[in-house]
Amino acid sequence: MRVVCGREDRSTRTRFRTRHLNGLARAAALALAESACRHAGDSGFVRLRAMALLVLTRILGEEEGAAARARALQIARRIEDEELLWRGERLAPR
């Protein structure tokens, strides 16, 4: 499962980095990010799930992605991962 989640996470990041997230490309990136979150959660890879949630947050944007960001930060606090906290807080509205 980690391989599937990692592959989907990398595919999502690649699609997101191209900045062509209009229409079908955005829908495909969202589907891959949601799938990565689900696979990581189902397999018990908590940190990987939090990372996928942060990618999902970036795709959705500040308002739509607020719940995903909050969940990722909650996970980061529980596992005491300073890097994930920093990444999630960096996405905070300025």
PDB file of N, CA and C in Angstrom:
ATOM      1  N   MET A   1       0.808  -1.192   0.000  1.00  0.00           N
ATOM      2  CA  MET A   1       0.000   0.000   0.000  1.00  0.00           C
ATOM      3  C   MET A   1       0.854   1.260   0.000  1.00  0.00           C
ATOM      4  N   ARG A   2       1.989   1.230   0.673  1.00  0.00           N
ATOM      5  CA  ARG A   2       2.843   2.415   0.711  1.00  0.00           C
ATOM      6  C   ARG A   2       3.300   2.787  -0.690  1.00  0.00           C
ATOM      7  N   VAL A   3       3.554   1.774  -1.514  1.00  0.00           N
ATOM      8  CA  VAL A   3       3.986   2.031  -2.884  1.00  0.00           C
ATOM      9  C   VAL A   3       2.875   2.728  -3.659  1.00  0.00           C
ATOM     10  N   VAL A   4       1.643   2.247  -3.515  1.00  0.00           N
ATOM     11  CA  VAL A   4       0.506   2.850  -4.204  1.00  0.00           C
ATOM     12  C   VAL A   4       0.328   4.292  -3.754  1.00  0.00           C
ATOM     13  N   CYS A   5       0.355   4.514  -2.443  1.00  0.00           N
ATOM     14  CA  CYS A   5       0.168   5.858  -1.902  1.00  0.00           C
ATOM     15  C   CYS A   5       1.286   6.785  -2.353  1.00  0.00           C
ATOM     16  N   GLY A   6       2.516   6.313  -2.290  1.00  0.00           N
ATOM     17  CA  GLY A   6       3.648   7.126  -2.703  1.00  0.00           C
ATOM     18  C   GLY A   6       3.591   7.487  -4.166  1.00  0.00           C
ATOM     19  N   ARG A   7       3.188   6.523  -4.994  1.00  0.00           N
ATOM     20  CA  ARG A   7       3.080   6.771  -6.431  1.00  0.00           C
ATOM     21  C   ARG A   7       2.000   7.815  -6.705  1.00  0.00           C
ATOM     22  N   GLU A   8       0.858   7.704  -6.027  1.00  0.00           N
ATOM     23  CA  GLU A   8      -0.224   8.667  -6.222  1.00  0.00           C
ATOM     24  C   GLU A   8       0.171  10.039  -5.700  1.00  0.00           C
ATOM     25  N   ASP A   9       0.888  10.053  -4.586  1.00  0.00           N
ATOM     26  CA  ASP A   9       1.330  11.328  -4.028  1.00  0.00           C
ATOM     27  C   ASP A   9       2.295  12.018  -4.999  1.00  0.00           C
ATOM     28  N   ARG A  10       3.234  11.276  -5.556  1.00  0.00           N
ATOM     29  CA  ARG A  10       4.180  11.853  -6.515  1.00  0.00           C
ATOM     30  C   ARG A  10       3.465  12.323  -7.777  1.00  0.00           C
ATOM     31  N   SER A  11       2.499  11.549  -8.257  1.00  0.00           N
ATOM     32  CA  SER A  11       1.743  11.950  -9.444  1.00  0.00           C
ATOM     33  C   SER A  11       0.974  13.236  -9.176  1.00  0.00           C
ATOM     34  N   THR A  12       0.399  13.335  -7.991  1.00  0.00           N
ATOM     35  CA  THR A  12      -0.342  14.544  -7.622  1.00  0.00           C
ATOM     36  C   THR A  12       0.576  15.743  -7.591  1.00  0.00           C
ATOM     37  N   ARG A  13       1.726  15.584  -6.954  1.00  0.00           N
ATOM     38  CA  ARG A  13       2.681  16.698  -6.872  1.00  0.00           C
ATOM     39  C   ARG A  13       3.144  17.123  -8.261  1.00  0.00           C
ATOM     40  N   THR A  14       3.383  16.162  -9.134  1.00  0.00           N
ATOM     41  CA  THR A  14       3.819  16.482 -10.491  1.00  0.00           C
ATOM     42  C   THR A  14       2.744  17.272 -11.222  1.00  0.00           C
ATOM     43  N   ARG A  15       1.517  16.817 -11.136  1.00  0.00           N
ATOM     44  CA  ARG A  15       0.423  17.534 -11.799  1.00  0.00           C
ATOM     45  C   ARG A  15       0.244  18.921 -11.207  1.00  0.00           C
ATOM     46  N   PHE A  16       0.376  19.017  -9.869  1.00  0.00           N
ATOM     47  CA  PHE A  16       0.193  20.304  -9.220  1.00  0.00           C
ATOM     48  C   PHE A  16       1.293  21.285  -9.608  1.00  0.00           C
ATOM     49  N   ARG A  17       2.513  20.811  -9.691  1.00  0.00           N
ATOM     50  CA  ARG A  17       3.642  21.684  -9.998  1.00  0.00           C
ATOM     51  C   ARG A  17       3.593  22.238 -11.415  1.00  0.00           C
ATOM     52  N   THR A  18       2.884  21.573 -12.295  1.00  0.00           N
ATOM     53  CA  THR A  18       2.784  22.089 -13.656  1.00  0.00           C
ATOM     54  C   THR A  18       1.905  23.329 -13.717  1.00  0.00           C
ATOM     55  N   ARG A  19       1.134  23.557 -12.685  1.00  0.00           N
ATOM     56  CA  ARG A  19       0.257  24.737 -12.585  1.00  0.00           C
ATOM     57  C   ARG A  19      -0.817  24.775 -13.670  1.00  0.00           C
ATOM     58  N   HIS A  20      -1.113  23.643 -14.230  1.00  0.00           N
ATOM     59  CA  HIS A  20      -2.180  23.565 -15.225  1.00  0.00           C
ATOM     60  C   HIS A  20      -3.385  22.903 -14.580  1.00  0.00           C
ATOM     61  N   LEU A  21      -3.836  23.483 -13.485  1.00  0.00           N
ATOM     62  CA  LEU A  21      -4.914  22.849 -12.734  1.00  0.00           C
ATOM     63  C   LEU A  21      -6.274  23.446 -13.070  1.00  0.00           C
ATOM     64  N   ASN A  22      -6.544  23.592 -14.325  1.00  0.00           N
ATOM     65  CA  ASN A  22      -7.876  24.011 -14.695  1.00  0.00           C
ATOM     66  C   ASN A  22      -8.610  22.810 -15.274  1.00  0.00           C
ATOM     67  N   GLY A  23      -9.859  22.727 -15.019  1.00  0.00           N
ATOM     68  CA  GLY A  23     -10.683  21.663 -15.587  1.00  0.00           C
ATOM     69  C   GLY A  23     -10.253  20.265 -15.215  1.00  0.00           C
ATOM     70  N   LEU A  24      -9.942  19.467 -16.225  1.00  0.00           N
ATOM     71  CA  LEU A  24      -9.637  18.062 -16.029  1.00  0.00           C
ATOM     72  C   LEU A  24      -8.353  17.821 -15.243  1.00  0.00           C
ATOM     73  N   ALA A  25      -7.329  18.655 -15.446  1.00  0.00           N
ATOM     74  CA  ALA A  25      -6.065  18.466 -14.724  1.00  0.00           C
ATOM     75  C   ALA A  25      -6.265  18.654 -13.230  1.00  0.00           C
ATOM     76  N   ARG A  26      -7.050  19.656 -12.825  1.00  0.00           N
ATOM     77  CA  ARG A  26      -7.328  19.888 -11.405  1.00  0.00           C
ATOM     78  C   ARG A  26      -8.120  18.720 -10.823  1.00  0.00           C
ATOM     79  N   ALA A  27      -9.100  18.246 -11.573  1.00  0.00           N
ATOM     80  CA  ALA A  27      -9.908  17.109 -11.121  1.00  0.00           C
ATOM     81  C   ALA A  27      -9.041  15.862 -10.952  1.00  0.00           C
ATOM     82  N   ALA A  28      -8.120  15.636 -11.890  1.00  0.00           N
ATOM     83  CA  ALA A  28      -7.224  14.481 -11.801  1.00  0.00           C
ATOM     84  C   ALA A  28      -6.295  14.604 -10.607  1.00  0.00           C
ATOM     85  N   ALA A  29      -5.748  15.799 -10.371  1.00  0.00           N
ATOM     86  CA  ALA A  29      -4.868  16.011  -9.217  1.00  0.00           C
ATOM     87  C   ALA A  29      -5.618  15.806  -7.914  1.00  0.00           C
ATOM     88  N   LEU A  30      -6.851  16.305  -7.846  1.00  0.00           N
ATOM     89  CA  LEU A  30      -7.662  16.105  -6.639  1.00  0.00           C
ATOM     90  C   LEU A  30      -7.949  14.627  -6.398  1.00  0.00           C
ATOM     91  N   ALA A  31      -8.297  13.915  -7.453  1.00  0.00           N
ATOM     92  CA  ALA A  31      -8.590  12.486  -7.319  1.00  0.00           C
ATOM     93  C   ALA A  31      -7.361  11.724  -6.822  1.00  0.00           C
ATOM     94  N   LEU A  32      -6.194  12.040  -7.371  1.00  0.00           N
ATOM     95  CA  LEU A  32      -4.968  11.370  -6.934  1.00  0.00           C
ATOM     96  C   LEU A  32      -4.629  11.717  -5.485  1.00  0.00           C
ATOM     97  N   ALA A  33      -4.791  12.979  -5.109  1.00  0.00           N
ATOM     98  CA  ALA A  33      -4.494  13.388  -3.729  1.00  0.00           C
ATOM     99  C   ALA A  33      -5.440  12.712  -2.743  1.00  0.00           C
ATOM    100  N   GLU A  34      -6.726  12.663  -3.077  1.00  0.00           N
ATOM    101  CA  GLU A  34      -7.693  12.006  -2.201  1.00  0.00           C
ATOM    102  C   GLU A  34      -7.406  10.515  -2.089  1.00  0.00           C
ATOM    103  N   SER A  35      -7.019   9.905  -3.190  1.00  0.00           N
ATOM    104  CA  SER A  35      -6.674   8.486  -3.176  1.00  0.00           C
ATOM    105  C   SER A  35      -5.426   8.238  -2.323  1.00  0.00           C
ATOM    106  N   ALA A  36      -4.436   9.115  -2.440  1.00  0.00           N
ATOM    107  CA  ALA A  36      -3.223   8.982  -1.621  1.00  0.00           C
ATOM    108  C   ALA A  36      -3.557   9.096  -0.141  1.00  0.00           C
ATOM    109  N   CYS A  37      -4.435  10.027   0.207  1.00  0.00           N
ATOM    110  CA  CYS A  37      -4.859  10.176   1.610  1.00  0.00           C
ATOM    111  C   CYS A  37      -5.539   8.903   2.107  1.00  0.00           C
ATOM    112  N   ARG A  38      -6.436   8.386   1.284  1.00  0.00           N
ATOM    113  CA  ARG A  38      -7.187   7.188   1.670  1.00  0.00           C
ATOM    114  C   ARG A  38      -6.274   5.974   1.833  1.00  0.00           C
ATOM    115  N   HIS A  39      -5.390   5.749   0.866  1.00  0.00           N
ATOM    116  CA  HIS A  39      -4.485   4.598   0.942  1.00  0.00           C
ATOM    117  C   HIS A  39      -3.543   4.707   2.138  1.00  0.00           C
ATOM    118  N   ALA A  40      -3.030   5.899   2.383  1.00  0.00           N
ATOM    119  CA  ALA A  40      -2.123   6.079   3.531  1.00  0.00           C
ATOM    120  C   ALA A  40      -2.863   5.827   4.834  1.00  0.00           C
ATOM    121  N   GLY A  41      -4.080   6.347   4.938  1.00  0.00           N
ATOM    122  CA  GLY A  41      -4.865   6.140   6.153  1.00  0.00           C
ATOM    123  C   GLY A  41      -5.232   4.674   6.349  1.00  0.00           C
ATOM    124  N   ASP A  42      -5.635   4.016   5.286  1.00  0.00           N
ATOM    125  CA  ASP A  42      -6.016   2.604   5.372  1.00  0.00           C
ATOM    126  C   ASP A  42      -4.839   1.719   5.753  1.00  0.00           C
ATOM    127  N   SER A  43      -3.635   2.142   5.378  1.00  0.00           N
ATOM    128  CA  SER A  43      -2.447   1.328   5.633  1.00  0.00           C
ATOM    129  C   SER A  43      -1.750   1.690   6.936  1.00  0.00           C
ATOM    130  N   GLY A  44      -2.203   2.737   7.595  1.00  0.00           N
ATOM    131  CA  GLY A  44      -1.595   3.128   8.857  1.00  0.00           C
ATOM    132  C   GLY A  44      -0.381   4.019   8.728  1.00  0.00           C
ATOM    133  N   PHE A  45      -0.142   4.571   7.555  1.00  0.00           N
ATOM    134  CA  PHE A  45       0.986   5.475   7.353  1.00  0.00           C
ATOM    135  C   PHE A  45       0.546   6.896   7.686  1.00  0.00           C
ATOM    136  N   VAL A  46       0.566   7.219   8.959  1.00  0.00           N
ATOM    137  CA  VAL A  46       0.001   8.458   9.454  1.00  0.00           C
ATOM    138  C   VAL A  46       0.732   9.679   8.903  1.00  0.00           C
ATOM    139  N   ARG A  47       2.042   9.669   8.930  1.00  0.00           N
ATOM    140  CA  ARG A  47       2.801  10.818   8.433  1.00  0.00           C
ATOM    141  C   ARG A  47       2.560  11.027   6.942  1.00  0.00           C
ATOM    142  N   LEU A  48       2.515   9.941   6.189  1.00  0.00           N
ATOM    143  CA  LEU A  48       2.263  10.030   4.759  1.00  0.00           C
ATOM    144  C   LEU A  48       0.864  10.583   4.492  1.00  0.00           C
ATOM    145  N   ARG A  49      -0.092  10.212   5.334  1.00  0.00           N
ATOM    146  CA  ARG A  49      -1.447  10.756   5.196  1.00  0.00           C
ATOM    147  C   ARG A  49      -1.433  12.268   5.420  1.00  0.00           C
ATOM    148  N   ALA A  50      -0.717  12.711   6.445  1.00  0.00           N
ATOM    149  CA  ALA A  50      -0.647  14.150   6.723  1.00  0.00           C
ATOM    150  C   ALA A  50      -0.010  14.892   5.549  1.00  0.00           C
ATOM    151  N   MET A  51       1.018  14.311   4.957  1.00  0.00           N
ATOM    152  CA  MET A  51       1.668  14.935   3.803  1.00  0.00           C
ATOM    153  C   MET A  51       0.695  15.026   2.623  1.00  0.00           C
ATOM    154  N   ALA A  52      -0.067  13.963   2.400  1.00  0.00           N
ATOM    155  CA  ALA A  52      -1.050  13.971   1.311  1.00  0.00           C
ATOM    156  C   ALA A  52      -2.145  15.003   1.582  1.00  0.00           C
ATOM    157  N   LEU A  53      -2.531  15.158   2.835  1.00  0.00           N
ATOM    158  CA  LEU A  53      -3.531  16.168   3.186  1.00  0.00           C
ATOM    159  C   LEU A  53      -3.012  17.580   2.906  1.00  0.00           C
ATOM    160  N   LEU A  54      -1.727  17.803   3.147  1.00  0.00           N
ATOM    161  CA  LEU A  54      -1.156  19.117   2.854  1.00  0.00           C
ATOM    162  C   LEU A  54      -1.112  19.391   1.357  1.00  0.00           C
ATOM    163  N   VAL A  55      -0.840  18.358   0.559  1.00  0.00           N
ATOM    164  CA  VAL A  55      -0.878  18.525  -0.898  1.00  0.00           C
ATOM    165  C   VAL A  55      -2.317  18.841  -1.326  1.00  0.00           C
ATOM    166  N   LEU A  56      -3.262  18.132  -0.751  1.00  0.00           N
ATOM    167  CA  LEU A  56      -4.673  18.371  -1.043  1.00  0.00           C
ATOM    168  C   LEU A  56      -5.052  19.812  -0.687  1.00  0.00           C
ATOM    169  N   THR A  57      -4.538  20.294   0.428  1.00  0.00           N
ATOM    170  CA  THR A  57      -4.791  21.670   0.851  1.00  0.00           C
ATOM    171  C   THR A  57      -4.296  22.665  -0.187  1.00  0.00           C
ATOM    172  N   ARG A  58      -3.115  22.430  -0.714  1.00  0.00           N
ATOM    173  CA  ARG A  58      -2.548  23.346  -1.713  1.00  0.00           C
ATOM    174  C   ARG A  58      -3.373  23.341  -2.998  1.00  0.00           C
ATOM    175  N   ILE A  59      -3.885  22.188  -3.375  1.00  0.00           N
ATOM    176  CA  ILE A  59      -4.685  22.103  -4.591  1.00  0.00           C
ATOM    177  C   ILE A  59      -6.028  22.802  -4.395  1.00  0.00           C
ATOM    178  N   LEU A  60      -6.667  22.560  -3.263  1.00  0.00           N
ATOM    179  CA  LEU A  60      -7.988  23.124  -3.012  1.00  0.00           C
ATOM    180  C   LEU A  60      -7.963  24.624  -2.766  1.00  0.00           C
ATOM    181  N   GLY A  61      -6.868  25.102  -2.214  1.00  0.00           N
ATOM    182  CA  GLY A  61      -6.798  26.518  -1.883  1.00  0.00           C
ATOM    183  C   GLY A  61      -7.117  26.758  -0.423  1.00  0.00           C
ATOM    184  N   GLU A  62      -6.919  27.984  -0.014  1.00  0.00           N
ATOM    185  CA  GLU A  62      -7.029  28.360   1.393  1.00  0.00           C
ATOM    186  C   GLU A  62      -8.392  28.037   2.007  1.00  0.00           C
ATOM    187  N   GLU A  63      -9.451  28.437   1.338  1.00  0.00           N
ATOM    188  CA  GLU A  63     -10.792  28.280   1.913  1.00  0.00           C
ATOM    189  C   GLU A  63     -11.282  26.837   1.852  1.00  0.00           C
ATOM    190  N   GLU A  64     -11.243  26.235   0.664  1.00  0.00           N
ATOM    191  CA  GLU A  64     -11.720  24.856   0.499  1.00  0.00           C
ATOM    192  C   GLU A  64     -10.841  23.842   1.234  1.00  0.00           C
ATOM    193  N   GLY A  65      -9.553  24.139   1.335  1.00  0.00           N
ATOM    194  CA  GLY A  65      -8.614  23.202   1.934  1.00  0.00           C
ATOM    195  C   GLY A  65      -8.426  23.355   3.433  1.00  0.00           C
ATOM    196  N   ALA A  66      -9.199  24.216   4.068  1.00  0.00           N
ATOM    197  CA  ALA A  66      -9.027  24.487   5.496  1.00  0.00           C
ATOM    198  C   ALA A  66      -9.200  23.230   6.357  1.00  0.00           C
ATOM    199  N   ALA A  67     -10.176  22.414   6.041  1.00  0.00           N
ATOM    200  CA  ALA A  67     -10.412  21.202   6.837  1.00  0.00           C
ATOM    201  C   ALA A  67      -9.265  20.200   6.680  1.00  0.00           C
ATOM    202  N   ALA A  68      -8.774  20.040   5.456  1.00  0.00           N
ATOM    203  CA  ALA A  68      -7.659  19.125   5.215  1.00  0.00           C
ATOM    204  C   ALA A  68      -6.402  19.618   5.932  1.00  0.00           C
ATOM    205  N   ARG A  69      -6.163  20.920   5.889  1.00  0.00           N
ATOM    206  CA  ARG A  69      -5.005  21.502   6.575  1.00  0.00           C
ATOM    207  C   ARG A  69      -5.110  21.306   8.084  1.00  0.00           C
ATOM    208  N   ALA A  70      -6.295  21.543   8.628  1.00  0.00           N
ATOM    209  CA  ALA A  70      -6.498  21.364  10.072  1.00  0.00           C
ATOM    210  C   ALA A  70      -6.245  19.920  10.479  1.00  0.00           C
ATOM    211  N   ARG A  71      -6.705  18.981   9.681  1.00  0.00           N
ATOM    212  CA  ARG A  71      -6.488  17.557   9.976  1.00  0.00           C
ATOM    213  C   ARG A  71      -5.002  17.207   9.905  1.00  0.00           C
ATOM    214  N   ALA A  72      -4.304  17.729   8.911  1.00  0.00           N
ATOM    215  CA  ALA A  72      -2.865  17.476   8.785  1.00  0.00           C
ATOM    216  C   ALA A  72      -2.108  18.036   9.984  1.00  0.00           C
ATOM    217  N   LEU A  73      -2.465  19.235  10.414  1.00  0.00           N
ATOM    218  CA  LEU A  73      -1.805  19.830  11.590  1.00  0.00           C
ATOM    219  C   LEU A  73      -2.103  19.032  12.856  1.00  0.00           C
ATOM    220  N   GLN A  74      -3.320  18.544  12.971  1.00  0.00           N
ATOM    221  CA  GLN A  74      -3.687  17.721  14.126  1.00  0.00           C
ATOM    222  C   GLN A  74      -2.842  16.446  14.158  1.00  0.00           C
ATOM    223  N   ILE A  75      -2.685  15.813  13.021  1.00  0.00           N
ATOM    224  CA  ILE A  75      -1.848  14.608  12.937  1.00  0.00           C
ATOM    225  C   ILE A  75      -0.407  14.953  13.305  1.00  0.00           C
ATOM    226  N   ALA A  76       0.113  16.045  12.755  1.00  0.00           N
ATOM    227  CA  ALA A  76       1.504  16.445  13.019  1.00  0.00           C
ATOM    228  C   ALA A  76       1.732  16.678  14.515  1.00  0.00           C
ATOM    229  N   ARG A  77       0.771  17.293  15.176  1.00  0.00           N
ATOM    230  CA  ARG A  77       0.902  17.525  16.624  1.00  0.00           C
ATOM    231  C   ARG A  77       0.899  16.203  17.391  1.00  0.00           C
ATOM    232  N   ARG A  78       0.018  15.300  17.007  1.00  0.00           N
ATOM    233  CA  ARG A  78      -0.079  14.007  17.707  1.00  0.00           C
ATOM    234  C   ARG A  78       1.187  13.180  17.578  1.00  0.00           C
ATOM    235  N   ILE A  79       1.812  13.223  16.394  1.00  0.00           N
ATOM    236  CA  ILE A  79       3.024  12.425  16.216  1.00  0.00           C
ATOM    237  C   ILE A  79       4.279  13.245  16.508  1.00  0.00           C
ATOM    238  N   GLU A  80       4.060  14.490  16.935  1.00  0.00           N
ATOM    239  CA  GLU A  80       5.152  15.393  17.321  1.00  0.00           C
ATOM    240  C   GLU A  80       6.185  15.546  16.204  1.00  0.00           C
ATOM    241  N   ASP A  81       5.703  15.855  15.026  1.00  0.00           N
ATOM    242  CA  ASP A  81       6.556  16.025  13.852  1.00  0.00           C
ATOM    243  C   ASP A  81       6.689  17.512  13.549  1.00  0.00           C
ATOM    244  N   GLU A  82       7.812  18.085  13.917  1.00  0.00           N
ATOM    245  CA  GLU A  82       8.043  19.521  13.750  1.00  0.00           C
ATOM    246  C   GLU A  82       8.060  19.941  12.281  1.00  0.00           C
ATOM    247  N   GLU A  83       8.607  19.108  11.416  1.00  0.00           N
ATOM    248  CA  GLU A  83       8.662  19.451   9.996  1.00  0.00           C
ATOM    249  C   GLU A  83       7.264  19.556   9.397  1.00  0.00           C
ATOM    250  N   LEU A  84       6.397  18.604   9.713  1.00  0.00           N
ATOM    251  CA  LEU A  84       5.031  18.663   9.207  1.00  0.00           C
ATOM    252  C   LEU A  84       4.289  19.874   9.764  1.00  0.00           C
ATOM    253  N   LEU A  85       4.513  20.178  11.032  1.00  0.00           N
ATOM    254  CA  LEU A  85       3.899  21.373  11.616  1.00  0.00           C
ATOM    255  C   LEU A  85       4.342  22.616  10.860  1.00  0.00           C
ATOM    256  N   TRP A  86       5.636  22.697  10.590  1.00  0.00           N
ATOM    257  CA  TRP A  86       6.163  23.847   9.861  1.00  0.00           C
ATOM    258  C   TRP A  86       5.531  23.940   8.473  1.00  0.00           C
ATOM    259  N   ARG A  87       5.438  22.798   7.773  1.00  0.00           N
ATOM    260  CA  ARG A  87       4.851  22.787   6.437  1.00  0.00           C
ATOM    261  C   ARG A  87       3.383  23.229   6.466  1.00  0.00           C
ATOM    262  N   GLY A  88       2.644  22.732   7.445  1.00  0.00           N
ATOM    263  CA  GLY A  88       1.230  23.082   7.556  1.00  0.00           C
ATOM    264  C   GLY A  88       1.028  24.531   7.950  1.00  0.00           C
ATOM    265  N   GLU A  89       1.846  25.020   8.851  1.00  0.00           N
ATOM    266  CA  GLU A  89       1.720  26.414   9.284  1.00  0.00           C
ATOM    267  C   GLU A  89       2.154  27.369   8.182  1.00  0.00           C
ATOM    268  N   ARG A  90       3.039  26.919   7.331  1.00  0.00           N
ATOM    269  CA  ARG A  90       3.494  27.733   6.206  1.00  0.00           C
ATOM    270  C   ARG A  90       2.353  28.000   5.226  1.00  0.00           C
ATOM    271  N   LEU A  91       1.368  27.113   5.205  1.00  0.00           N
ATOM    272  CA  LEU A  91       0.214  27.276   4.318  1.00  0.00           C
ATOM    273  C   LEU A  91      -0.848  28.194   4.914  1.00  0.00           C
ATOM    274  N   ALA A  92      -0.608  28.693   6.122  1.00  0.00           N
ATOM    275  CA  ALA A  92      -1.583  29.540   6.811  1.00  0.00           C
ATOM    276  C   ALA A  92      -1.817  30.840   6.046  1.00  0.00           C
ATOM    277  N   PRO A  93      -3.018  31.375   6.139  1.00  0.00           N
ATOM    278  CA  PRO A  93      -3.296  32.661   5.487  1.00  0.00           C
ATOM    279  C   PRO A  93      -2.390  33.747   6.026  1.00  0.00           C
ATOM    280  N   ARG A  94      -1.944  34.644   5.173  1.00  0.00           N
ATOM    281  CA  ARG A  94      -1.038  35.714   5.590  1.00  0.00           C
ATOM    282  C   ARG A  94      -1.672  37.052   5.464  1.00  0.00           C
TER     283      ARG A  94
END
